[in-house]
Amino acid sequence: MLNGTGEEYTDELYEFYSIEKIKKVSKEFQEWEGVPNHQSLINLIVIKDLFVFANFSFNQFVYAIKLSQEETENNEVYILCGKEYKK
C-alpha cells in the first residue's frame, strides 16, 4: 500500500503526502514565506474545506481535495498557485 512518496519527489518533481502530513490549506500555509505567495489563499471562502495532499516542483503548484463532514458522491480536486486556483 502506498502512503505518499515518503517526503521525496518523483522524477517529475511531484510529492504526494502521507496521510499524516495532509492538512487544511489554512494550516499548511499559515507560516508560508515563499514564491508563489500561497498565504493569499488562506482567507478565501472556497478554500475553507480544502486539504493539501500533494505539490509540484517544491510547492510551485499545490494540489488539494475538498472534504466535508457530509457524505458526497464526489470530492473536488483543486490546483493552487499563489492567489490563483482552479477546480
PDB file of N, CA and C in Angstrom:
ATOM      1  N   MET A   1       0.843  -1.187   0.000  1.00  0.00           N
ATOM      2  CA  MET A   1       0.000   0.000   0.000  1.00  0.00           C
ATOM      3  C   MET A   1       0.885   1.246   0.000  1.00  0.00           C
ATOM      4  N   LEU A   2       0.545   2.205  -0.807  1.00  0.00           N
ATOM      5  CA  LEU A   2       1.308   3.439  -0.926  1.00  0.00           C
ATOM      6  C   LEU A   2       0.732   4.499   0.004  1.00  0.00           C
ATOM      7  N   ASN A   3       1.589   5.167   0.741  1.00  0.00           N
ATOM      8  CA  ASN A   3       1.176   6.242   1.643  1.00  0.00           C
ATOM      9  C   ASN A   3       2.082   7.435   1.375  1.00  0.00           C
ATOM     10  N   GLY A   4       1.910   8.046   0.223  1.00  0.00           N
ATOM     11  CA  GLY A   4       2.726   9.185  -0.160  1.00  0.00           C
ATOM     12  C   GLY A   4       4.055   8.743  -0.751  1.00  0.00           C
ATOM     13  N   THR A   5       4.898   9.703  -1.007  1.00  0.00           N
ATOM     14  CA  THR A   5       6.210   9.423  -1.596  1.00  0.00           C
ATOM     15  C   THR A   5       7.330   9.511  -0.559  1.00  0.00           C
ATOM     16  N   GLY A   6       6.968   9.472   0.714  1.00  0.00           N
ATOM     17  CA  GLY A   6       7.972   9.471   1.773  1.00  0.00           C
ATOM     18  C   GLY A   6       8.790  10.745   1.846  1.00  0.00           C
ATOM     19  N   GLU A   7       8.140  11.898   1.627  1.00  0.00           N
ATOM     20  CA  GLU A   7       8.789  13.216   1.631  1.00  0.00           C
ATOM     21  C   GLU A   7       9.877  13.332   0.574  1.00  0.00           C
ATOM     22  N   GLU A   8       9.812  12.473  -0.425  1.00  0.00           N
ATOM     23  CA  GLU A   8      10.707  12.529  -1.584  1.00  0.00           C
ATOM     24  C   GLU A   8       9.887  12.991  -2.786  1.00  0.00           C
ATOM     25  N   TYR A   9      10.574  13.503  -3.781  1.00  0.00           N
ATOM     26  CA  TYR A   9       9.917  13.911  -5.016  1.00  0.00           C
ATOM     27  C   TYR A   9      10.104  12.832  -6.069  1.00  0.00           C
ATOM     28  N   THR A  10       9.083  12.676  -6.924  1.00  0.00           N
ATOM     29  CA  THR A  10       9.199  11.743  -8.036  1.00  0.00           C
ATOM     30  C   THR A  10      10.158  12.340  -9.065  1.00  0.00           C
ATOM     31  N   ASP A  11      10.500  11.573 -10.076  1.00  0.00           N
ATOM     32  CA  ASP A  11      11.372  12.087 -11.141  1.00  0.00           C
ATOM     33  C   ASP A  11      10.766  13.289 -11.853  1.00  0.00           C
ATOM     34  N   GLU A  12       9.435  13.391 -11.818  1.00  0.00           N
ATOM     35  CA  GLU A  12       8.738  14.521 -12.456  1.00  0.00           C
ATOM     36  C   GLU A  12       8.503  15.676 -11.481  1.00  0.00           C
ATOM     37  N   LEU A  13       9.092  15.618 -10.289  1.00  0.00           N
ATOM     38  CA  LEU A  13       9.030  16.653  -9.248  1.00  0.00           C
ATOM     39  C   LEU A  13       7.677  16.777  -8.545  1.00  0.00           C
ATOM     40  N   TYR A  14       6.953  15.675  -8.409  1.00  0.00           N
ATOM     41  CA  TYR A  14       5.726  15.643  -7.616  1.00  0.00           C
ATOM     42  C   TYR A  14       6.047  15.033  -6.254  1.00  0.00           C
ATOM     43  N   GLU A  15       5.434  15.591  -5.215  1.00  0.00           N
ATOM     44  CA  GLU A  15       5.496  14.982  -3.887  1.00  0.00           C
ATOM     45  C   GLU A  15       4.063  14.699  -3.453  1.00  0.00           C
ATOM     46  N   PHE A  16       3.765  13.453  -3.142  1.00  0.00           N
ATOM     47  CA  PHE A  16       2.462  13.063  -2.626  1.00  0.00           C
ATOM     48  C   PHE A  16       2.609  12.838  -1.127  1.00  0.00           C
ATOM     49  N   TYR A  17       1.717  13.453  -0.349  1.00  0.00           N
ATOM     50  CA  TYR A  17       1.832  13.437   1.099  1.00  0.00           C
ATOM     51  C   TYR A  17       1.315  12.140   1.706  1.00  0.00           C
ATOM     52  N   SER A  18       1.899  11.756   2.821  1.00  0.00           N
ATOM     53  CA  SER A  18       1.370  10.641   3.599  1.00  0.00           C
ATOM     54  C   SER A  18       0.095  11.135   4.290  1.00  0.00           C
ATOM     55  N   ILE A  19      -0.717  10.205   4.739  1.00  0.00           N
ATOM     56  CA  ILE A  19      -1.956  10.567   5.443  1.00  0.00           C
ATOM     57  C   ILE A  19      -1.655  11.487   6.622  1.00  0.00           C
ATOM     58  N   GLU A  20      -0.573  11.242   7.314  1.00  0.00           N
ATOM     59  CA  GLU A  20      -0.228  12.041   8.494  1.00  0.00           C
ATOM     60  C   GLU A  20       0.137  13.486   8.141  1.00  0.00           C
ATOM     61  N   LYS A  21       0.568  13.739   6.922  1.00  0.00           N
ATOM     62  CA  LYS A  21       1.026  15.074   6.525  1.00  0.00           C
ATOM     63  C   LYS A  21      -0.093  15.942   5.929  1.00  0.00           C
ATOM     64  N   ILE A  22      -1.222  15.340   5.571  1.00  0.00           N
ATOM     65  CA  ILE A  22      -2.323  16.088   4.949  1.00  0.00           C
ATOM     66  C   ILE A  22      -2.894  17.089   5.950  1.00  0.00           C
ATOM     67  N   LYS A  23      -2.998  18.368   5.494  1.00  0.00           N
ATOM     68  CA  LYS A  23      -3.507  19.442   6.358  1.00  0.00           C
ATOM     69  C   LYS A  23      -4.433  20.342   5.547  1.00  0.00           C
ATOM     70  N   LYS A  24      -5.262  21.097   6.284  1.00  0.00           N
ATOM     71  CA  LYS A  24      -6.068  22.126   5.623  1.00  0.00           C
ATOM     72  C   LYS A  24      -5.125  23.158   5.004  1.00  0.00           C
ATOM     73  N   VAL A  25      -5.576  23.776   3.931  1.00  0.00           N
ATOM     74  CA  VAL A  25      -4.778  24.807   3.261  1.00  0.00           C
ATOM     75  C   VAL A  25      -4.382  25.892   4.253  1.00  0.00           C
ATOM     76  N   SER A  26      -5.319  26.309   5.110  1.00  0.00           N
ATOM     77  CA  SER A  26      -5.024  27.384   6.069  1.00  0.00           C
ATOM     78  C   SER A  26      -3.883  27.004   7.015  1.00  0.00           C
ATOM     79  N   LYS A  27      -3.793  25.759   7.420  1.00  0.00           N
ATOM     80  CA  LYS A  27      -2.702  25.311   8.304  1.00  0.00           C
ATOM     81  C   LYS A  27      -1.403  25.121   7.521  1.00  0.00           C
ATOM     82  N   GLU A  28      -1.509  24.562   6.321  1.00  0.00           N
ATOM     83  CA  GLU A  28      -0.322  24.289   5.500  1.00  0.00           C
ATOM     84  C   GLU A  28       0.452  25.570   5.199  1.00  0.00           C
ATOM     85  N   PHE A  29      -0.270  26.656   4.938  1.00  0.00           N
ATOM     86  CA  PHE A  29       0.391  27.902   4.523  1.00  0.00           C
ATOM     87  C   PHE A  29       0.332  29.001   5.572  1.00  0.00           C
ATOM     88  N   GLN A  30       0.018  28.657   6.788  1.00  0.00           N
ATOM     89  CA  GLN A  30      -0.076  29.631   7.875  1.00  0.00           C
ATOM     90  C   GLN A  30       1.213  30.443   8.025  1.00  0.00           C
ATOM     91  N   GLU A  31       2.353  29.805   7.898  1.00  0.00           N
ATOM     92  CA  GLU A  31       3.636  30.495   8.057  1.00  0.00           C
ATOM     93  C   GLU A  31       4.444  30.490   6.762  1.00  0.00           C
ATOM     94  N   TRP A  32       3.785  30.350   5.646  1.00  0.00           N
ATOM     95  CA  TRP A  32       4.452  30.270   4.346  1.00  0.00           C
ATOM     96  C   TRP A  32       5.201  31.554   4.022  1.00  0.00           C
ATOM     97  N   GLU A  33       6.427  31.408   3.601  1.00  0.00           N
ATOM     98  CA  GLU A  33       7.232  32.530   3.105  1.00  0.00           C
ATOM     99  C   GLU A  33       7.908  32.043   1.848  1.00  0.00           C
ATOM    100  N   GLY A  34       7.391  32.411   0.742  1.00  0.00           N
ATOM    101  CA  GLY A  34       7.985  31.952  -0.500  1.00  0.00           C
ATOM    102  C   GLY A  34       7.218  32.428  -1.711  1.00  0.00           C
ATOM    103  N   VAL A  35       7.651  31.948  -2.843  1.00  0.00           N
ATOM    104  CA  VAL A  35       7.038  32.289  -4.122  1.00  0.00           C
ATOM    105  C   VAL A  35       6.555  30.994  -4.738  1.00  0.00           C
ATOM    106  N   PRO A  36       5.305  30.957  -5.177  1.00  0.00           N
ATOM    107  CA  PRO A  36       4.287  32.000  -5.094  1.00  0.00           C
ATOM    108  C   PRO A  36       3.758  32.174  -3.670  1.00  0.00           C
ATOM    109  N   ASN A  37       3.072  33.285  -3.454  1.00  0.00           N
ATOM    110  CA  ASN A  37       2.571  33.605  -2.125  1.00  0.00           C
ATOM    111  C   ASN A  37       1.269  32.847  -1.855  1.00  0.00           C
ATOM    112  N   HIS A  38       1.381  31.642  -1.333  1.00  0.00           N
ATOM    113  CA  HIS A  38       0.202  30.824  -1.049  1.00  0.00           C
ATOM    114  C   HIS A  38      -0.607  31.356   0.130  1.00  0.00           C
ATOM    115  N   GLN A  39      -0.059  32.227   0.950  1.00  0.00           N
ATOM    116  CA  GLN A  39      -0.807  32.789   2.085  1.00  0.00           C
ATOM    117  C   GLN A  39      -2.018  33.584   1.624  1.00  0.00           C
ATOM    118  N   SER A  40      -1.987  34.103   0.408  1.00  0.00           N
ATOM    119  CA  SER A  40      -3.121  34.890  -0.085  1.00  0.00           C
ATOM    120  C   SER A  40      -4.373  34.038  -0.267  1.00  0.00           C
ATOM    121  N   LEU A  41      -4.253  32.707  -0.225  1.00  0.00           N
ATOM    122  CA  LEU A  41      -5.402  31.812  -0.343  1.00  0.00           C
ATOM    123  C   LEU A  41      -6.149  31.615   0.967  1.00  0.00           C
ATOM    124  N   ILE A  42      -5.475  31.812   2.072  1.00  0.00           N
ATOM    125  CA  ILE A  42      -5.990  31.409   3.384  1.00  0.00           C
ATOM    126  C   ILE A  42      -7.369  31.983   3.690  1.00  0.00           C
ATOM    127  N   ASN A  43      -7.663  33.203   3.322  1.00  0.00           N
ATOM    128  CA  ASN A  43      -8.931  33.841   3.683  1.00  0.00           C
ATOM    129  C   ASN A  43     -10.052  33.652   2.667  1.00  0.00           C
ATOM    130  N   LEU A  44      -9.802  32.919   1.594  1.00  0.00           N
ATOM    131  CA  LEU A  44     -10.848  32.691   0.600  1.00  0.00           C
ATOM    132  C   LEU A  44     -11.829  31.634   1.093  1.00  0.00           C
ATOM    133  N   ILE A  45     -13.120  31.923   1.009  1.00  0.00           N
ATOM    134  CA  ILE A  45     -14.159  31.003   1.482  1.00  0.00           C
ATOM    135  C   ILE A  45     -14.097  29.670   0.733  1.00  0.00           C
ATOM    136  N   VAL A  46     -13.866  29.696  -0.567  1.00  0.00           N
ATOM    137  CA  VAL A  46     -13.855  28.470  -1.369  1.00  0.00           C
ATOM    138  C   VAL A  46     -12.748  27.515  -0.922  1.00  0.00           C
ATOM    139  N   ILE A  47     -11.724  28.025  -0.283  1.00  0.00           N
ATOM    140  CA  ILE A  47     -10.577  27.222   0.151  1.00  0.00           C
ATOM    141  C   ILE A  47     -10.816  26.593   1.530  1.00  0.00           C
ATOM    142  N   LYS A  48     -11.850  27.019   2.232  1.00  0.00           N
ATOM    143  CA  LYS A  48     -12.090  26.638   3.626  1.00  0.00           C
ATOM    144  C   LYS A  48     -12.017  25.130   3.892  1.00  0.00           C
ATOM    145  N   ASP A  49     -12.579  24.323   3.043  1.00  0.00           N
ATOM    146  CA  ASP A  49     -12.634  22.875   3.266  1.00  0.00           C
ATOM    147  C   ASP A  49     -11.652  22.097   2.400  1.00  0.00           C
ATOM    148  N   LEU A  50     -10.581  22.745   1.937  1.00  0.00           N
ATOM    149  CA  LEU A  50      -9.593  22.067   1.097  1.00  0.00           C
ATOM    150  C   LEU A  50      -8.416  21.578   1.932  1.00  0.00           C
ATOM    151  N   PHE A  51      -7.964  20.372   1.605  1.00  0.00           N
ATOM    152  CA  PHE A  51      -6.841  19.747   2.276  1.00  0.00           C
ATOM    153  C   PHE A  51      -5.734  19.456   1.271  1.00  0.00           C
ATOM    154  N   VAL A  52      -4.521  19.912   1.560  1.00  0.00           N
ATOM    155  CA  VAL A  52      -3.369  19.725   0.676  1.00  0.00           C
ATOM    156  C   VAL A  52      -2.910  18.275   0.754  1.00  0.00           C
ATOM    157  N   PHE A  53      -2.767  17.635  -0.424  1.00  0.00           N
ATOM    158  CA  PHE A  53      -2.310  16.245  -0.457  1.00  0.00           C
ATOM    159  C   PHE A  53      -1.090  16.024  -1.345  1.00  0.00           C
ATOM    160  N   ALA A  54      -0.690  17.055  -2.112  1.00  0.00           N
ATOM    161  CA  ALA A  54       0.472  16.903  -2.996  1.00  0.00           C
ATOM    162  C   ALA A  54       0.947  18.275  -3.452  1.00  0.00           C
ATOM    163  N   ASN A  55       2.180  18.299  -3.984  1.00  0.00           N
ATOM    164  CA  ASN A  55       2.679  19.522  -4.589  1.00  0.00           C
ATOM    165  C   ASN A  55       3.582  19.174  -5.766  1.00  0.00           C
ATOM    166  N   PHE A  56       3.805  20.162  -6.599  1.00  0.00           N
ATOM    167  CA  PHE A  56       4.663  20.007  -7.769  1.00  0.00           C
ATOM    168  C   PHE A  56       5.778  21.032  -7.703  1.00  0.00           C
ATOM    169  N   SER A  57       6.975  20.597  -7.984  1.00  0.00           N
ATOM    170  CA  SER A  57       8.135  21.474  -8.115  1.00  0.00           C
ATOM    171  C   SER A  57       8.342  22.348  -6.871  1.00  0.00           C
ATOM    172  N   PHE A  58       8.409  21.677  -5.707  1.00  0.00           N
ATOM    173  CA  PHE A  58       8.705  22.359  -4.445  1.00  0.00           C
ATOM    174  C   PHE A  58       7.698  23.462  -4.130  1.00  0.00           C
ATOM    175  N   ASN A  59       6.415  23.125  -4.230  1.00  0.00           N
ATOM    176  CA  ASN A  59       5.279  23.996  -3.923  1.00  0.00           C
ATOM    177  C   ASN A  59       5.002  25.080  -4.955  1.00  0.00           C
ATOM    178  N   GLN A  60       5.515  24.944  -6.163  1.00  0.00           N
ATOM    179  CA  GLN A  60       5.128  25.878  -7.226  1.00  0.00           C
ATOM    180  C   GLN A  60       3.616  25.773  -7.447  1.00  0.00           C
ATOM    181  N   PHE A  61       3.129  24.531  -7.526  1.00  0.00           N
ATOM    182  CA  PHE A  61       1.702  24.245  -7.594  1.00  0.00           C
ATOM    183  C   PHE A  61       1.381  23.291  -6.450  1.00  0.00           C
ATOM    184  N   VAL A  62       0.200  23.463  -5.870  1.00  0.00           N
ATOM    185  CA  VAL A  62      -0.230  22.621  -4.759  1.00  0.00           C
ATOM    186  C   VAL A  62      -1.566  21.998  -5.130  1.00  0.00           C
ATOM    187  N   TYR A  63      -1.749  20.742  -4.759  1.00  0.00           N
ATOM    188  CA  TYR A  63      -2.986  20.028  -5.052  1.00  0.00           C
ATOM    189  C   TYR A  63      -3.747  19.803  -3.756  1.00  0.00           C
ATOM    190  N   ALA A  64      -5.050  20.093  -3.784  1.00  0.00           N
ATOM    191  CA  ALA A  64      -5.875  19.967  -2.588  1.00  0.00           C
ATOM    192  C   ALA A  64      -7.214  19.329  -2.951  1.00  0.00           C
ATOM    193  N   ILE A  65      -7.792  18.629  -2.009  1.00  0.00           N
ATOM    194  CA  ILE A  65      -9.086  17.974  -2.193  1.00  0.00           C
ATOM    195  C   ILE A  65     -10.083  18.582  -1.218  1.00  0.00           C
ATOM    196  N   LYS A  66     -11.316  18.747  -1.688  1.00  0.00           N
ATOM    197  CA  LYS A  66     -12.370  19.291  -0.834  1.00  0.00           C
ATOM    198  C   LYS A  66     -13.008  18.140  -0.058  1.00  0.00           C
ATOM    199  N   LEU A  67     -12.951  18.233   1.266  1.00  0.00           N
ATOM    200  CA  LEU A  67     -13.537  17.218   2.141  1.00  0.00           C
ATOM    201  C   LEU A  67     -14.506  17.899   3.095  1.00  0.00           C
ATOM    202  N   SER A  68     -15.583  17.184   3.439  1.00  0.00           N
ATOM    203  CA  SER A  68     -16.556  17.740   4.380  1.00  0.00           C
ATOM    204  C   SER A  68     -17.085  16.635   5.270  1.00  0.00           C
ATOM    205  N   GLN A  69     -17.795  17.019   6.303  1.00  0.00           N
ATOM    206  CA  GLN A  69     -18.374  16.063   7.247  1.00  0.00           C
ATOM    207  C   GLN A  69     -19.493  15.243   6.599  1.00  0.00           C
ATOM    208  N   GLU A  70     -20.207  15.852   5.656  1.00  0.00           N
ATOM    209  CA  GLU A  70     -21.317  15.187   4.997  1.00  0.00           C
ATOM    210  C   GLU A  70     -20.806  14.272   3.885  1.00  0.00           C
ATOM    211  N   GLU A  71     -21.509  13.179   3.672  1.00  0.00           N
ATOM    212  CA  GLU A  71     -21.153  12.264   2.589  1.00  0.00           C
ATOM    213  C   GLU A  71     -21.494  12.906   1.248  1.00  0.00           C
ATOM    214  N   THR A  72     -20.570  12.809   0.299  1.00  0.00           N
ATOM    215  CA  THR A  72     -20.795  13.340  -1.042  1.00  0.00           C
ATOM    216  C   THR A  72     -20.449  12.264  -2.064  1.00  0.00           C
ATOM    217  N   GLU A  73     -21.023  12.389  -3.253  1.00  0.00           N
ATOM    218  CA  GLU A  73     -20.735  11.416  -4.304  1.00  0.00           C
ATOM    219  C   GLU A  73     -19.348  11.610  -4.897  1.00  0.00           C
ATOM    220  N   ASN A  74     -18.870  12.845  -4.890  1.00  0.00           N
ATOM    221  CA  ASN A  74     -17.520  13.104  -5.401  1.00  0.00           C
ATOM    222  C   ASN A  74     -16.878  14.235  -4.606  1.00  0.00           C
ATOM    223  N   ASN A  75     -15.572  14.233  -4.596  1.00  0.00           N
ATOM    224  CA  ASN A  75     -14.809  15.273  -3.915  1.00  0.00           C
ATOM    225  C   ASN A  75     -13.999  16.027  -4.960  1.00  0.00           C
ATOM    226  N   GLU A  76     -14.167  17.338  -4.986  1.00  0.00           N
ATOM    227  CA  GLU A  76     -13.473  18.163  -5.973  1.00  0.00           C
ATOM    228  C   GLU A  76     -11.992  18.253  -5.643  1.00  0.00           C
ATOM    229  N   VAL A  77     -11.173  18.260  -6.682  1.00  0.00           N
ATOM    230  CA  VAL A  77      -9.727  18.426  -6.537  1.00  0.00           C
ATOM    231  C   VAL A  77      -9.356  19.768  -7.163  1.00  0.00           C
ATOM    232  N   TYR A  78      -8.506  20.517  -6.469  1.00  0.00           N
ATOM    233  CA  TYR A  78      -8.096  21.848  -6.909  1.00  0.00           C
ATOM    234  C   TYR A  78      -6.585  21.889  -7.099  1.00  0.00           C
ATOM    235  N   ILE A  79      -6.165  22.757  -8.013  1.00  0.00           N
ATOM    236  CA  ILE A  79      -4.749  23.097  -8.141  1.00  0.00           C
ATOM    237  C   ILE A  79      -4.624  24.549  -7.705  1.00  0.00           C
ATOM    238  N   LEU A  80      -3.647  24.820  -6.847  1.00  0.00           N
ATOM    239  CA  LEU A  80      -3.460  26.151  -6.265  1.00  0.00           C
ATOM    240  C   LEU A  80      -2.081  26.682  -6.638  1.00  0.00           C
ATOM    241  N   CYS A  81      -2.041  27.985  -6.928  1.00  0.00           N
ATOM    242  CA  CYS A  81      -0.769  28.630  -7.235  1.00  0.00           C
ATOM    243  C   CYS A  81      -0.876  30.091  -6.818  1.00  0.00           C
ATOM    244  N   GLY A  82      -0.235  30.436  -5.703  1.00  0.00           N
ATOM    245  CA  GLY A  82      -0.337  31.803  -5.209  1.00  0.00           C
ATOM    246  C   GLY A  82      -1.786  32.095  -4.871  1.00  0.00           C
ATOM    247  N   LYS A  83      -2.345  33.183  -5.377  1.00  0.00           N
ATOM    248  CA  LYS A  83      -3.743  33.508  -5.102  1.00  0.00           C
ATOM    249  C   LYS A  83      -4.688  32.906  -6.139  1.00  0.00           C
ATOM    250  N   GLU A  84      -4.181  32.179  -7.082  1.00  0.00           N
ATOM    251  CA  GLU A  84      -4.990  31.557  -8.128  1.00  0.00           C
ATOM    252  C   GLU A  84      -5.329  30.120  -7.770  1.00  0.00           C
ATOM    253  N   TYR A  85      -6.491  29.683  -8.199  1.00  0.00           N
ATOM    254  CA  TYR A  85      -6.887  28.285  -8.002  1.00  0.00           C
ATOM    255  C   TYR A  85      -7.821  27.866  -9.130  1.00  0.00           C
ATOM    256  N   LYS A  86      -7.856  26.581  -9.386  1.00  0.00           N
ATOM    257  CA  LYS A  86      -8.714  26.050 -10.442  1.00  0.00           C
ATOM    258  C   LYS A  86      -9.179  24.666 -10.021  1.00  0.00           C
ATOM    259  N   LYS A  87     -10.469  24.384 -10.268  1.00  0.00           N
ATOM    260  CA  LYS A  87     -11.034  23.087  -9.973  1.00  0.00           C
ATOM    261  C   LYS A  87     -10.588  22.083 -11.000  1.00  0.00           C
TER     262      LYS A  87
END
